[in-house]
């Protein structure tokens, strides 16, 4: 009995593989359904039993021995969309579902494949084979061998998962990270599902039998070779064509055919831009010029704006210092604003050139991005491509003839614009601002100007002095008020004894509050009472005005002197009285003695004369 297998690929797809069986008998061939078995039995009766056994043995020797649950090698004899027919040398061929070979789209008739024998013959007499099971039985050994030998393997991307893809490799589900799919950023992962690709096994976890594969690793090796070849041919100034591969906030990466170059955002346009997407878009083909490259690090710096002439070269040659120009504010910093006169040509207006006011402010107080302005050219350097502009020059300078408009000693009304520790800046008019020093705010001593005024308050001032060159003006406020020290000196002359209350104690003495709220100071040595005890806070005692310091606005007092000097005066009086009494006594004694002497002298004379 002989069998003839017709390739299913040659039949219409809707039909199942057909097996035609023809049995040779009496030099004639007929189909099984037409075969006359009675005639066969009659004719076969001419053979003996020994002949039949010999024929069967000879036929069995032409067939392979098939062992169920074993893996054998077979040959592909037919392929269609649904099935693959494999011959393993058995009396019938096996039919395997085509999806089991989807990892290998290049499978063709004549290829050798490994199959697993599930059954030598089912109910219909069909050989049952499985390629999937054969791969699974040997897959782990094949995976380890491929990993050790760094072999390239084929895999079928089954589905997308979080962070990557699931790939069928030798029947094992391996993980393909999203970063290992391609050297280019992937925007559509779903496009890779159900694709067969080459991979390299990069990691194996033997304990959990996890496998990680990479397609990028295969591309990188080829890419490194291409990079070396491309960079070896590069020259500065060379113009190349590339494709925009990636756009970041600092620049654009361009694929030059295997190697990437970077166009920094400053090299995209002569004009100022906020985002590279204003100039280029993804996958756009553009021409670039090579600015620099590093062969060791394989870095290439590219330029796009260098392919066009610099805008400064087309700037009006008649433009000069003092001319007026119009432009748009493209960037604002605290120190100034950049004005674009034309694309690629910018000038800087420093904050000091925005207003005649000497008080420094930030540029945002004067201008906004996108605003159209007119300015005057203050400096122009065509070689360095720099230009400085001014706004305040287009309006009159308020400091001209300021002495005539605001003479020294004149009273003015100003608005408090800023407060510092050392004084108050007050604006008389736009651009005319002066300083009221803290010492000129009040006749009384204050710790901070905010005790008297706040920003936005109106304050009366008097013009004290000018500095036209530096646009500085000195103002005073206390000069418009009566000086309390004039009254104080007449009310509390030095030597006067007044009552005072101890307000607070310090390391050196105490602060004393006198009548009318006048603050004075008493040193510790002068604070001791007559009984030897020190005065305490809240205690009211008599104090003597010791000193009035107008320059420092300080009143010095003493309690001790109120009783020490009384004692001294009393002692001095007693001493004086004693001195006078002694003098009187001495005078009397002196008179008596002289009288006695006169009488003795007279007596002596009388004795001498013998009287």
Protein backbone atom coordinates (compact mmCIF):
# COMPACT_ATOMS: atom_id res chain seq x y z
CA UNK A 1 0.00 0.00 0.00
CA UNK A 2 1.38 3.41 -0.99
CA UNK A 3 0.23 6.89 0.08
CA UNK A 4 0.39 10.12 -1.92
CA UNK A 5 0.23 13.49 0.01
CA UNK A 6 -0.89 16.56 -1.90
CA UNK A 7 0.46 19.91 -0.66
CA UNK A 8 -2.47 21.80 0.97
CA UNK A 9 -0.95 25.10 -0.16
CA UNK A 10 -1.86 24.14 -3.76
CA UNK A 11 -5.55 23.64 -2.87
CA UNK A 12 -8.17 26.37 -2.29
CA UNK A 13 -7.87 27.82 1.22
CA UNK A 14 -11.38 26.77 2.22
CA UNK A 15 -10.58 23.10 1.73
CA UNK A 16 -8.97 20.80 4.26
CA UNK A 17 -5.82 18.87 3.35
CA UNK A 18 -6.85 15.82 1.30
CA UNK A 19 -5.17 12.47 1.55
CA UNK A 20 -5.77 10.18 -1.40
CA UNK A 21 -5.02 6.57 -0.81
CA UNK A 22 -4.30 4.22 -3.72
CA UNK A 23 -3.67 0.53 -3.28
CA UNK A 24 -1.84 -1.38 -6.04
CA UNK A 25 -3.37 -4.66 -6.99
CA UNK A 26 -3.18 -6.71 -10.18
CA UNK A 27 -1.27 -3.90 -11.96
CA UNK A 28 -4.25 -1.55 -11.56
CA UNK A 29 -4.84 1.51 -9.41
CA UNK A 30 -8.25 2.54 -8.14
CA UNK A 31 -9.58 4.87 -5.52
CA UNK A 32 -10.42 3.35 -2.11
CA UNK A 33 -14.13 3.82 -2.61
CA UNK A 34 -13.89 1.89 -5.91
CA UNK A 35 -11.71 -0.89 -4.60
CA UNK A 36 -13.11 -4.45 -4.89
CA UNK A 37 -12.07 -6.08 -1.65
CA UNK A 38 -13.68 -9.46 -2.51
CA UNK A 39 -11.57 -9.76 -5.63
CA UNK A 40 -8.55 -8.72 -3.60
CA UNK A 41 -9.17 -11.48 -1.07
CA UNK A 42 -9.58 -14.08 -3.80
CA UNK A 43 -6.42 -12.98 -5.59
CA UNK A 44 -4.45 -12.58 -2.35
CA UNK A 45 -5.28 -16.15 -1.51
CA UNK A 46 -2.58 -17.27 -3.94
CA UNK A 47 0.03 -15.91 -1.44
CA UNK A 48 0.98 -17.98 1.51
CA UNK A 49 1.22 -16.84 5.09
CA UNK A 50 4.99 -16.69 4.92
CA UNK A 51 4.79 -14.40 1.89
CA UNK A 52 2.42 -12.04 3.68
CA UNK A 53 4.70 -11.84 6.71
CA UNK A 54 7.71 -11.09 4.56
CA UNK A 55 5.88 -8.35 2.65
CA UNK A 56 4.67 -6.70 5.87
CA UNK A 57 8.14 -6.82 7.40
CA UNK A 58 9.66 -5.25 4.29
CA UNK A 59 7.07 -2.45 4.35
CA UNK A 60 7.59 -1.76 8.08
CA UNK A 61 11.32 -1.34 7.43
CA UNK A 62 10.56 1.59 5.11
CA UNK A 63 8.81 3.49 7.99
CA UNK A 64 10.36 5.32 10.95
CA UNK A 65 9.72 4.03 14.39
CA UNK A 66 7.54 6.58 16.24
CA UNK A 67 7.53 6.80 20.02
CA UNK A 68 4.75 8.78 21.60
CA UNK A 69 5.70 11.66 23.91
CA UNK A 70 9.05 11.99 22.17
CA UNK A 71 10.60 14.91 20.26
CA UNK A 72 11.74 14.14 16.72
CA UNK A 73 12.82 16.12 13.68
CA UNK A 74 10.54 16.46 10.68
CA UNK A 75 10.44 18.14 7.30
CA UNK A 76 7.86 20.71 6.25
CA UNK A 77 6.03 19.41 3.20
CA UNK A 78 3.12 21.82 2.98
CA UNK A 79 2.02 25.21 4.32
CA UNK A 80 -1.21 27.18 4.20
CA UNK A 81 -2.67 29.93 6.36
CA UNK A 82 -4.19 27.50 8.83
CA UNK A 83 -1.88 24.48 8.91
CA UNK A 84 1.64 23.24 8.41
CA UNK A 85 2.16 19.62 7.22
CA UNK A 86 5.25 17.86 8.57
CA UNK A 87 6.72 14.52 7.51
CA UNK A 88 8.62 12.60 10.17
CA UNK A 89 9.07 9.43 7.99
CA UNK A 90 5.98 7.74 9.37
CA UNK A 91 3.26 6.10 7.30
CA UNK A 92 1.22 9.32 7.54
CA UNK A 93 2.12 12.98 7.91
CA UNK A 94 1.21 15.22 10.80
CA UNK A 95 -0.81 18.43 10.57
CA UNK A 96 0.20 21.26 12.95
CA UNK A 97 -1.79 24.54 13.41
CA UNK A 98 -0.02 27.41 11.64
CA UNK A 99 -0.10 29.76 14.73
CA UNK A 100 2.49 27.52 16.37
CA UNK A 101 4.98 28.82 13.76
CA UNK A 102 4.02 32.50 13.93
CA UNK A 103 7.37 33.33 15.56
CA UNK A 104 8.99 32.28 12.26
CA UNK A 105 7.28 34.01 9.32
CA UNK A 106 10.04 32.85 6.99
CA UNK A 107 9.13 29.15 7.36
CA UNK A 108 9.03 27.36 3.98
CA UNK A 109 8.60 23.89 2.52
CA UNK A 110 11.69 21.79 3.06
CA UNK A 111 12.66 23.36 6.41
CA UNK A 112 13.56 21.05 9.26
CA UNK A 113 11.53 21.50 12.44
CA UNK A 114 11.31 19.74 15.77
CA UNK A 115 7.93 18.26 16.70
CA UNK A 116 6.47 16.50 19.68
CA UNK A 117 4.64 13.19 19.00
CA UNK A 118 1.40 13.35 20.91
CA UNK A 119 -0.15 10.26 19.31
CA UNK A 120 1.01 7.91 16.55
CA UNK A 121 -2.58 7.43 15.42
CA UNK A 122 -5.83 8.97 16.59
CA UNK A 123 -9.36 7.66 15.98
CA UNK A 124 -9.10 8.67 12.34
CA UNK A 125 -5.69 7.11 11.93
CA UNK A 126 -4.02 10.55 11.86
CA UNK A 127 -0.53 11.23 13.29
CA UNK A 128 -0.82 13.97 15.95
CA UNK A 129 2.19 16.32 16.24
CA UNK A 130 2.89 19.59 18.14
CA UNK A 131 5.65 22.03 17.40
CA UNK A 132 4.77 24.22 20.37
CA UNK A 133 5.26 21.42 22.89
CA UNK A 134 8.54 20.46 21.31
CA UNK A 135 9.76 24.03 21.70
CA UNK A 136 8.57 24.18 25.30
CA UNK A 137 10.40 20.99 26.25
CA UNK A 138 13.68 22.34 24.92
CA UNK A 139 13.03 26.08 25.24
CA UNK A 140 14.83 26.72 28.55
CA UNK A 141 17.96 24.95 27.34
CA UNK A 142 17.76 26.90 24.07
CA UNK A 143 17.30 30.20 25.91
CA UNK A 144 20.32 29.57 28.14
CA UNK A 145 22.41 28.51 25.18
CA UNK A 146 21.43 31.64 23.24
CA UNK A 147 22.26 33.80 26.26
CA UNK A 148 25.65 32.16 26.80
CA UNK A 149 26.57 32.35 23.11
CA UNK A 150 25.09 35.83 22.61
CA UNK A 151 23.03 34.46 19.74
CA UNK A 152 20.35 36.40 17.92
CA UNK A 153 16.94 34.81 18.40
CA UNK A 154 13.59 35.41 16.78
CA UNK A 155 10.59 36.31 18.87
CA UNK A 156 6.93 37.05 18.32
CA UNK A 157 5.53 40.08 20.14
CA UNK A 158 2.31 38.78 21.64
CA UNK A 159 0.92 41.75 23.52
CA UNK A 160 1.65 45.04 25.16
CA UNK A 161 2.06 45.28 28.91
CA UNK A 162 2.97 47.91 31.47
CA UNK A 163 6.39 49.22 30.64
CA UNK A 164 6.98 47.12 27.54
CA UNK A 165 5.98 44.03 25.56
CA UNK A 166 5.54 40.27 26.03
CA UNK A 167 7.58 38.31 23.47
CA UNK A 168 7.35 34.59 22.63
CA UNK A 169 10.91 33.23 22.46
CA UNK A 170 11.26 29.46 22.02
CA UNK A 171 7.79 29.14 23.53
CA UNK A 172 8.77 31.10 26.65
CA UNK A 173 7.18 34.46 27.42
CA UNK A 174 10.01 36.98 27.69
CA UNK A 175 9.79 40.66 28.68
CA UNK A 176 10.83 43.40 26.26
CA UNK A 177 11.19 46.76 28.10
CA UNK A 178 9.89 49.76 26.22
CA UNK A 179 13.34 51.35 26.30
CA UNK A 180 14.82 48.30 24.55
CA UNK A 181 12.52 48.22 21.52
CA UNK A 182 14.40 50.73 19.41
CA UNK A 183 17.14 53.32 19.65
CA UNK A 184 14.57 55.96 18.70
CA UNK A 185 11.85 57.09 21.11
CA UNK A 186 8.71 54.99 20.58
CA UNK A 187 5.44 56.89 20.32
CA UNK A 188 3.15 54.01 19.26
CA UNK A 189 3.81 50.74 21.08
CA UNK A 190 0.75 49.05 19.63
CA UNK A 191 2.31 49.14 16.17
CA UNK A 192 4.76 46.42 17.30
CA UNK A 193 2.14 43.94 18.52
CA UNK A 194 2.00 40.69 16.47
CA UNK A 195 5.34 41.49 14.83
CA UNK A 196 8.25 39.06 14.57
CA UNK A 197 11.64 40.60 15.30
CA UNK A 198 15.22 39.66 16.10
CA UNK A 199 16.24 39.91 19.73
CA UNK A 200 19.18 39.46 22.01
CA UNK A 201 18.70 37.83 25.41
CA UNK A 202 20.17 40.30 27.91
CA UNK A 203 19.08 38.86 31.28
CA UNK A 204 17.92 35.56 32.76
CA UNK A 205 16.62 34.86 36.25
CA UNK A 206 17.23 31.15 36.75
CA UNK A 207 15.23 30.96 39.98
CA UNK A 208 12.02 32.45 38.61
CA UNK A 209 12.75 31.62 34.96
CA UNK A 210 12.32 35.21 33.85
CA UNK A 211 13.83 36.28 30.56
CA UNK A 212 14.51 39.84 29.35
CA UNK A 213 15.23 40.50 25.68
CA UNK A 214 16.34 43.56 23.72
CA UNK A 215 16.03 44.62 20.12
CA UNK A 216 17.87 47.86 20.79
CA UNK A 217 21.06 45.98 21.70
CA UNK A 218 21.23 44.59 18.16
CA UNK A 219 20.74 48.04 16.67
CA UNK A 220 23.32 49.69 18.89
CA UNK A 221 26.14 47.49 17.66
CA UNK A 222 25.33 48.37 14.08
CA UNK A 223 24.76 51.98 15.05
CA UNK A 224 28.19 52.29 16.66
CA UNK A 225 29.75 51.11 13.43
CA UNK A 226 27.71 53.60 11.43
CA UNK A 227 28.58 56.41 13.86
CA UNK A 228 32.30 55.79 13.47
CA UNK A 229 31.98 55.82 9.70
CA UNK A 230 29.85 58.99 9.63
CA UNK A 231 31.90 60.95 12.18
CA UNK A 232 35.09 59.96 10.36
CA UNK A 233 33.79 61.80 7.29
CA UNK A 234 32.55 64.92 9.10
CA UNK A 235 34.04 68.36 8.61
CA UNK A 236 33.22 71.65 10.31
CA UNK A 237 31.01 73.75 8.09
CA UNK A 238 29.71 70.71 6.23
CA UNK A 239 26.02 70.88 5.29
CA UNK A 240 24.02 67.69 5.85
CA UNK A 241 20.41 66.60 5.64
CA UNK A 242 18.75 64.93 8.58
CA UNK A 243 15.43 64.09 10.20
CA UNK A 244 14.15 65.68 13.39
CA UNK A 245 14.21 62.80 15.85
CA UNK A 246 13.40 64.43 19.17
CA UNK A 247 12.52 67.91 20.48
CA UNK A 248 13.40 69.08 23.98
CA UNK A 249 13.16 72.44 25.70
CA UNK A 250 16.88 73.02 25.17
CA UNK A 251 17.23 71.91 21.57
CA UNK A 252 16.54 69.46 18.74
CA UNK A 253 18.11 66.04 18.04
CA UNK A 254 18.58 65.32 14.35
CA UNK A 255 19.16 61.84 12.87
CA UNK A 256 21.93 62.09 10.29
CA UNK A 257 21.48 58.52 9.10
CA UNK A 258 22.65 56.44 12.05
CA UNK A 259 24.14 59.10 14.27
CA UNK A 260 22.40 61.93 16.12
CA UNK A 261 23.42 65.57 16.32
CA UNK A 262 22.10 68.32 18.58
CA UNK A 263 20.93 71.74 17.47
CA UNK A 264 20.93 73.89 20.58
CA UNK A 265 17.95 76.22 20.88
CA UNK A 266 20.29 79.19 20.43
CA UNK A 267 21.43 77.80 17.06
CA UNK A 268 17.92 77.30 15.66
CA UNK A 269 17.15 80.91 14.84
CA UNK A 270 18.84 84.30 14.87
CA UNK A 271 15.74 85.57 16.64
CA UNK A 272 14.78 84.71 20.20
CA UNK A 273 12.42 81.72 20.54
CA UNK A 274 10.79 80.14 23.58
CA UNK A 275 10.33 76.61 22.21
CA UNK A 276 12.11 74.73 19.38
CA UNK A 277 8.71 73.66 18.04
CA UNK A 278 8.31 77.21 16.77
CA UNK A 279 10.95 76.38 14.15
CA UNK A 280 10.85 72.61 13.48
CA UNK A 281 8.52 69.64 13.95
CA UNK A 282 9.03 65.91 14.56
CA UNK A 283 10.05 63.77 11.55
CA UNK A 284 10.71 66.90 9.50
CA UNK A 285 13.65 66.70 7.09
CA UNK A 286 15.95 69.70 7.44
CA UNK A 287 19.39 70.82 6.31
CA UNK A 288 21.93 71.58 9.02
CA UNK A 289 25.53 72.70 9.22
CA UNK A 290 28.19 70.94 11.33
CA UNK A 291 29.46 73.37 13.97
CA UNK A 292 31.66 71.00 15.96
CA UNK A 293 32.07 67.30 16.77
CA UNK A 294 33.88 65.04 19.22
CA UNK A 295 35.03 61.79 17.64
CA UNK A 296 35.75 60.07 20.96
CA UNK A 297 32.45 60.96 22.62
CA UNK A 298 30.58 60.78 19.30
CA UNK A 299 28.89 64.12 19.87
CA UNK A 300 27.95 66.42 17.03
CA UNK A 301 26.91 70.07 17.39
CA UNK A 302 24.72 71.28 14.56
CA UNK A 303 23.33 74.64 13.53
CA UNK A 304 20.31 75.73 11.53
CA UNK A 305 20.47 79.52 11.69
CA UNK A 306 24.03 79.48 10.32
CA UNK A 307 22.61 78.56 6.90
CA UNK A 308 21.20 82.10 6.63
CA UNK A 309 22.92 85.49 6.85
CA UNK A 310 23.07 87.20 10.23
CA UNK A 311 20.31 89.85 10.53
CA UNK A 312 22.86 92.40 11.78
CA UNK A 313 24.40 92.39 8.31
CA UNK A 314 21.15 93.73 6.89
CA UNK A 315 20.72 96.40 9.59
CA UNK A 316 20.22 99.91 8.22
CA UNK A 317 23.76 101.27 7.68
CA UNK A 318 22.54 104.81 8.43
CA UNK A 319 21.32 103.90 11.92
CA UNK A 320 23.36 105.83 14.52
CA UNK A 321 23.41 106.83 18.19
CA UNK A 322 20.58 109.21 19.00
CA UNK A 323 18.15 107.77 16.45
CA UNK A 324 14.75 106.49 17.48
CA UNK A 325 13.80 102.87 16.84
CA UNK A 326 10.68 100.79 17.37
CA UNK A 327 10.59 97.19 18.53
CA UNK A 328 8.86 94.51 20.56
CA UNK A 329 9.76 93.41 24.08
CA UNK A 330 10.93 89.77 23.79
CA UNK A 331 12.52 89.21 27.19
CA UNK A 332 12.42 90.94 30.57
CA UNK A 333 14.91 90.50 33.39
CA UNK A 334 15.19 92.40 36.65
CA UNK A 335 18.04 94.45 35.25
CA UNK A 336 16.38 95.39 31.97
CA UNK A 337 14.40 94.45 28.85
CA UNK A 338 15.49 93.15 25.44
CA UNK A 339 13.81 94.84 22.49
CA UNK A 340 13.73 93.08 19.12
CA UNK A 341 14.21 95.69 16.39
CA UNK A 342 13.99 93.00 13.70
CA UNK A 343 14.35 89.19 13.91
CA UNK A 344 17.84 88.53 15.25
CA UNK A 345 18.60 92.17 16.10
CA UNK A 346 18.02 93.10 19.73
CA UNK A 347 18.84 96.02 21.98
CA UNK A 348 18.91 96.23 25.78
CA UNK A 349 17.08 98.88 27.76
CA UNK A 350 18.70 98.88 31.19
CA UNK A 351 16.35 99.57 34.08
CA UNK A 352 18.31 102.74 34.84
CA UNK A 353 17.40 104.02 31.36
CA UNK A 354 13.66 103.51 31.81
CA UNK A 355 12.93 106.39 34.18
CA UNK A 356 14.58 109.60 35.42
CA UNK A 357 13.79 108.51 38.96
CA UNK A 358 16.95 107.67 40.94
CA UNK A 359 15.10 104.97 42.82
CA UNK A 360 16.05 101.62 41.26
CA UNK A 361 13.14 99.39 40.36
CA UNK A 362 12.72 96.23 38.28
CA UNK A 363 12.04 96.28 34.55
CA UNK A 364 8.67 94.58 35.04
CA UNK A 365 7.41 97.81 36.61
CA UNK A 366 7.77 99.56 33.25
CA UNK A 367 7.37 97.01 30.41
CA UNK A 368 5.67 93.72 29.51
CA UNK A 369 6.67 90.95 27.09
CA UNK A 370 5.12 91.51 23.67
CA UNK A 371 4.66 95.24 24.20
CA UNK A 372 5.58 97.55 21.30
CA UNK A 373 7.88 100.39 22.41
CA UNK A 374 9.85 103.27 20.97
CA UNK A 375 13.35 103.95 22.28
CA UNK A 376 16.46 105.95 21.56
CA UNK A 377 19.76 104.38 20.51
CA UNK A 378 22.33 105.09 23.24
CA UNK A 379 25.19 102.93 21.92
CA UNK A 380 25.74 100.83 18.79
CA UNK A 381 28.53 98.29 18.22
CA UNK A 382 28.08 96.59 14.85
CA UNK A 383 31.16 94.37 15.21
CA UNK A 384 30.13 93.04 18.62
CA UNK A 385 26.47 93.18 17.48
CA UNK A 386 25.35 94.99 20.61
CA UNK A 387 22.96 97.89 21.03
CA UNK A 388 21.79 99.75 24.14
CA UNK A 389 18.56 101.71 24.16
CA UNK A 390 16.84 104.20 26.43
CA UNK A 391 13.24 105.10 27.21
CA UNK A 392 13.66 108.09 29.53
CA UNK A 393 15.54 110.04 26.86
CA UNK A 394 12.28 110.50 24.95
CA UNK A 395 10.73 112.53 27.80
CA UNK A 396 12.02 115.80 29.36
CA UNK A 397 14.53 115.48 32.19
CA UNK A 398 12.76 116.70 35.34
CA UNK A 399 16.13 117.51 36.97
CA UNK A 400 16.77 120.37 34.58
CA UNK A 401 16.35 123.77 36.32
CA UNK A 402 15.38 121.97 39.52
CA UNK A 403 16.90 124.67 41.76
CA UNK A 404 14.66 127.26 40.16
CA UNK A 405 11.57 125.12 40.54
CA UNK A 406 12.37 123.83 44.02
CA UNK A 407 14.61 126.35 45.83
CA UNK A 408 16.38 125.34 49.06
CA UNK A 409 14.20 126.01 52.08
CA UNK A 410 10.94 125.81 50.15
CA UNK A 411 8.11 123.70 51.53
CA UNK A 412 6.78 120.87 49.29
CA UNK A 413 4.34 117.99 49.55
CA UNK A 414 5.74 114.53 48.66
CA UNK A 415 4.50 110.93 48.52
CA UNK A 416 6.33 108.24 50.48
CA UNK A 417 7.56 105.63 47.97
CA UNK A 418 9.93 103.53 50.03
CA UNK A 419 10.96 103.13 53.67
CA UNK A 420 14.37 101.93 54.85
CA UNK A 421 16.08 101.67 58.21
CA UNK A 422 17.91 104.93 57.61
CA UNK A 423 15.10 107.05 56.22
CA UNK A 424 12.21 107.63 53.84
CA UNK A 425 12.29 108.12 50.05
CA UNK A 426 9.63 110.62 49.07
CA UNK A 427 8.66 111.62 45.50
CA UNK A 428 7.84 115.27 44.84
CA UNK A 429 6.95 114.60 41.18
CA UNK A 430 7.57 111.84 38.66
CA UNK A 431 11.35 111.44 38.49
CA UNK A 432 12.08 113.82 41.38
CA UNK A 433 12.67 111.88 44.53
CA UNK A 434 14.54 112.74 47.72
CA UNK A 435 15.62 111.20 50.99
CA UNK A 436 14.28 112.26 54.37
CA UNK A 437 16.90 110.91 56.75
CA UNK A 438 15.60 109.36 59.97
CA UNK A 439 17.31 112.14 61.90
CA UNK A 440 15.31 114.71 59.90
CA UNK A 441 11.94 113.03 60.39
CA UNK A 442 11.28 113.98 64.00
CA UNK A 443 12.79 116.02 66.82
CA UNK A 444 12.10 113.04 69.05
CA UNK A 445 14.27 109.94 68.85
CA UNK A 446 12.58 107.12 66.84
CA UNK A 447 13.75 103.58 66.18
CA UNK A 448 12.34 103.18 62.64
CA UNK A 449 10.73 105.56 60.10
CA UNK A 450 7.67 103.29 59.93
CA UNK A 451 6.70 104.66 63.35
CA UNK A 452 5.75 107.90 61.59
CA UNK A 453 4.83 107.13 57.94
CA UNK A 454 3.89 104.29 55.58
CA UNK A 455 4.39 103.86 51.80
CA UNK A 456 1.79 105.93 49.94
CA UNK A 457 1.41 108.53 52.71
CA UNK A 458 1.70 112.21 51.86
CA UNK A 459 4.26 114.13 53.89
CA UNK A 460 5.24 117.80 54.05
CA UNK A 461 8.95 118.33 53.47
CA UNK A 462 11.42 121.16 53.13
CA UNK A 463 14.23 121.21 50.52
CA UNK A 464 17.56 120.94 52.37
CA UNK A 465 20.13 120.33 49.62
CA UNK A 466 20.70 119.23 45.96
CA UNK A 467 23.08 116.95 44.04
CA UNK A 468 22.14 117.50 40.38
CA UNK A 469 24.96 115.34 39.01
CA UNK A 470 23.76 112.23 40.82
CA UNK A 471 20.10 113.25 40.87
CA UNK A 472 19.95 113.24 44.66
CA UNK A 473 17.78 115.46 46.82
CA UNK A 474 17.97 115.92 50.59
CA UNK A 475 14.67 116.61 52.36
CA UNK A 476 13.58 117.31 55.91
CA UNK A 477 10.32 117.02 57.78
CA UNK A 478 11.11 117.98 61.38
CA UNK A 479 12.29 121.42 60.22
CA UNK A 480 8.63 122.30 59.63
CA UNK A 481 7.77 121.52 63.27
CA UNK A 482 8.67 123.48 66.45
CA UNK A 483 11.79 122.25 68.22
CA UNK A 484 10.66 120.80 71.60
CA UNK A 485 14.16 121.32 72.99
CA UNK A 486 13.68 125.06 72.96
CA UNK A 487 10.76 124.62 75.34
CA UNK A 488 12.56 121.88 77.26
CA UNK A 489 15.56 124.05 78.08
CA UNK A 490 13.30 126.77 79.43
CA UNK A 491 11.10 124.34 81.33
CA UNK A 492 13.87 122.18 82.80
CA UNK A 493 17.01 124.30 83.20
CA UNK A 494 20.11 122.60 84.55
CA UNK A 495 20.03 122.40 88.36
CA UNK A 496 16.24 122.22 88.59
CA UNK A 497 14.85 119.52 90.89
CA UNK A 498 11.71 117.82 89.51
CA UNK A 499 9.78 114.66 90.25
CA UNK A 500 10.35 111.65 88.00
CA UNK A 501 9.21 108.04 87.79
CA UNK A 502 11.54 105.10 87.15
CA UNK A 503 10.26 103.68 83.81
CA UNK A 504 12.78 100.88 83.23
CA UNK A 505 16.19 99.64 84.36
CA UNK A 506 19.27 99.05 82.18
CA UNK A 507 22.80 97.78 82.78
CA UNK A 508 24.08 101.30 83.29
CA UNK A 509 21.15 102.91 85.02
CA UNK A 510 17.46 103.67 84.54
CA UNK A 511 15.11 105.49 82.15
CA UNK A 512 13.19 108.19 84.01
CA UNK A 513 9.91 109.76 82.86
CA UNK A 514 9.63 113.45 83.87
CA UNK A 515 6.66 115.76 83.83
CA UNK A 516 5.04 116.05 80.40
CA UNK A 517 6.38 112.65 79.29
CA UNK A 518 9.95 113.87 78.85
CA UNK A 519 12.39 110.93 78.86
CA UNK A 520 15.59 111.24 80.93
CA UNK A 521 18.39 108.94 82.01
CA UNK A 522 19.90 108.40 85.48
CA UNK A 523 23.14 106.49 86.03
CA UNK A 524 23.15 103.69 88.61
CA UNK A 525 25.39 105.63 91.02
CA UNK A 526 22.89 108.49 91.02
CA UNK A 527 19.88 106.20 91.55
CA UNK A 528 20.77 105.16 95.13
CA UNK A 529 18.36 106.56 97.71
CA UNK A 530 19.37 108.27 100.97
CA UNK A 531 18.83 105.05 102.92
CA UNK A 532 21.31 103.25 100.67
CA UNK A 533 18.74 101.23 98.74
CA UNK A 534 18.34 101.36 94.94
CA UNK A 535 15.18 102.75 93.38
CA UNK A 536 12.82 100.27 91.70
CA UNK A 537 10.62 100.47 88.59
CA UNK A 538 7.48 102.53 89.19
CA UNK A 539 8.94 104.48 92.11
CA UNK A 540 8.62 108.28 92.00
CA UNK A 541 11.52 110.31 93.39
CA UNK A 542 12.92 113.82 93.14
CA UNK A 543 15.58 114.20 90.45
CA UNK A 544 17.96 117.01 89.70
CA UNK A 545 18.53 118.06 86.06
CA UNK A 546 22.26 117.48 85.62
CA UNK A 547 22.72 117.99 81.85
CA UNK A 548 20.75 118.75 78.67
CA UNK A 549 22.50 117.40 75.54
CA UNK A 550 20.81 119.01 72.52
CA UNK A 551 23.04 117.18 70.01
CA UNK A 552 22.01 113.75 71.26
CA UNK A 553 18.63 114.86 72.63
CA UNK A 554 19.47 113.41 76.00
CA UNK A 555 18.49 114.58 79.50
CA UNK A 556 20.68 113.43 82.38
CA UNK A 557 19.25 113.50 85.94
CA UNK A 558 20.37 112.44 89.40
CA UNK A 559 18.44 111.51 92.52
CA UNK A 560 21.47 111.23 94.78
CA UNK A 561 22.38 114.84 94.23
CA UNK A 562 19.05 115.97 95.64
CA UNK A 563 20.05 114.83 99.15
CA UNK A 564 23.84 114.73 99.02
CA UNK A 565 24.11 118.40 98.08
CA UNK A 566 21.63 119.39 100.83
CA UNK A 567 23.80 117.59 103.33
CA UNK A 568 26.87 119.20 101.93
CA UNK A 569 25.25 122.63 102.01
CA UNK A 570 24.13 122.12 105.63
CA UNK A 571 27.57 120.92 106.59
CA UNK A 572 29.09 123.86 104.78
CA UNK A 573 26.79 126.27 106.65
CA UNK A 574 27.63 124.74 109.99
CA UNK A 575 31.32 124.88 109.18
CA UNK A 576 31.00 128.51 108.18
CA UNK A 577 29.19 129.41 111.41
CA UNK A 578 31.84 127.62 113.42
CA UNK A 579 34.55 129.44 111.54
CA UNK A 580 32.94 132.79 112.26
CA UNK A 581 32.60 132.01 115.99
CA UNK A 582 36.21 130.95 116.23
CA UNK A 583 37.27 134.08 114.43
CA UNK A 584 35.29 136.24 116.84
CA UNK A 585 36.80 134.49 119.83
CA UNK A 586 40.26 134.82 118.40
CA UNK A 587 39.62 138.50 117.78
CA UNK A 588 38.57 139.04 121.39
CA UNK A 589 41.55 137.16 122.66
CA UNK A 590 43.82 139.19 120.46
CA UNK A 591 42.41 142.49 121.81
CA UNK A 592 42.78 141.39 125.43
CA UNK A 593 46.36 140.32 124.94
CA UNK A 594 47.35 143.57 123.29
CA UNK A 595 45.73 145.58 126.10
CA UNK A 596 47.68 143.65 128.69
CA UNK A 597 50.88 144.19 126.83
CA UNK A 598 50.32 147.96 126.71
CA UNK A 599 49.74 148.11 130.44
CA UNK A 600 52.87 146.06 131.16
CA UNK A 601 54.91 148.30 128.92
CA UNK A 602 53.65 151.37 130.75
CA UNK A 603 54.46 149.70 134.03
CA UNK A 604 57.96 148.91 132.82
CA UNK A 605 58.54 152.50 131.85
CA UNK A 606 57.41 153.66 135.25
CA UNK A 607 59.76 151.19 136.96
CA UNK A 608 62.58 152.31 134.77
CA UNK A 609 62.05 155.92 135.80
CA UNK A 610 61.97 154.80 139.41
CA UNK A 611 58.47 155.78 139.91
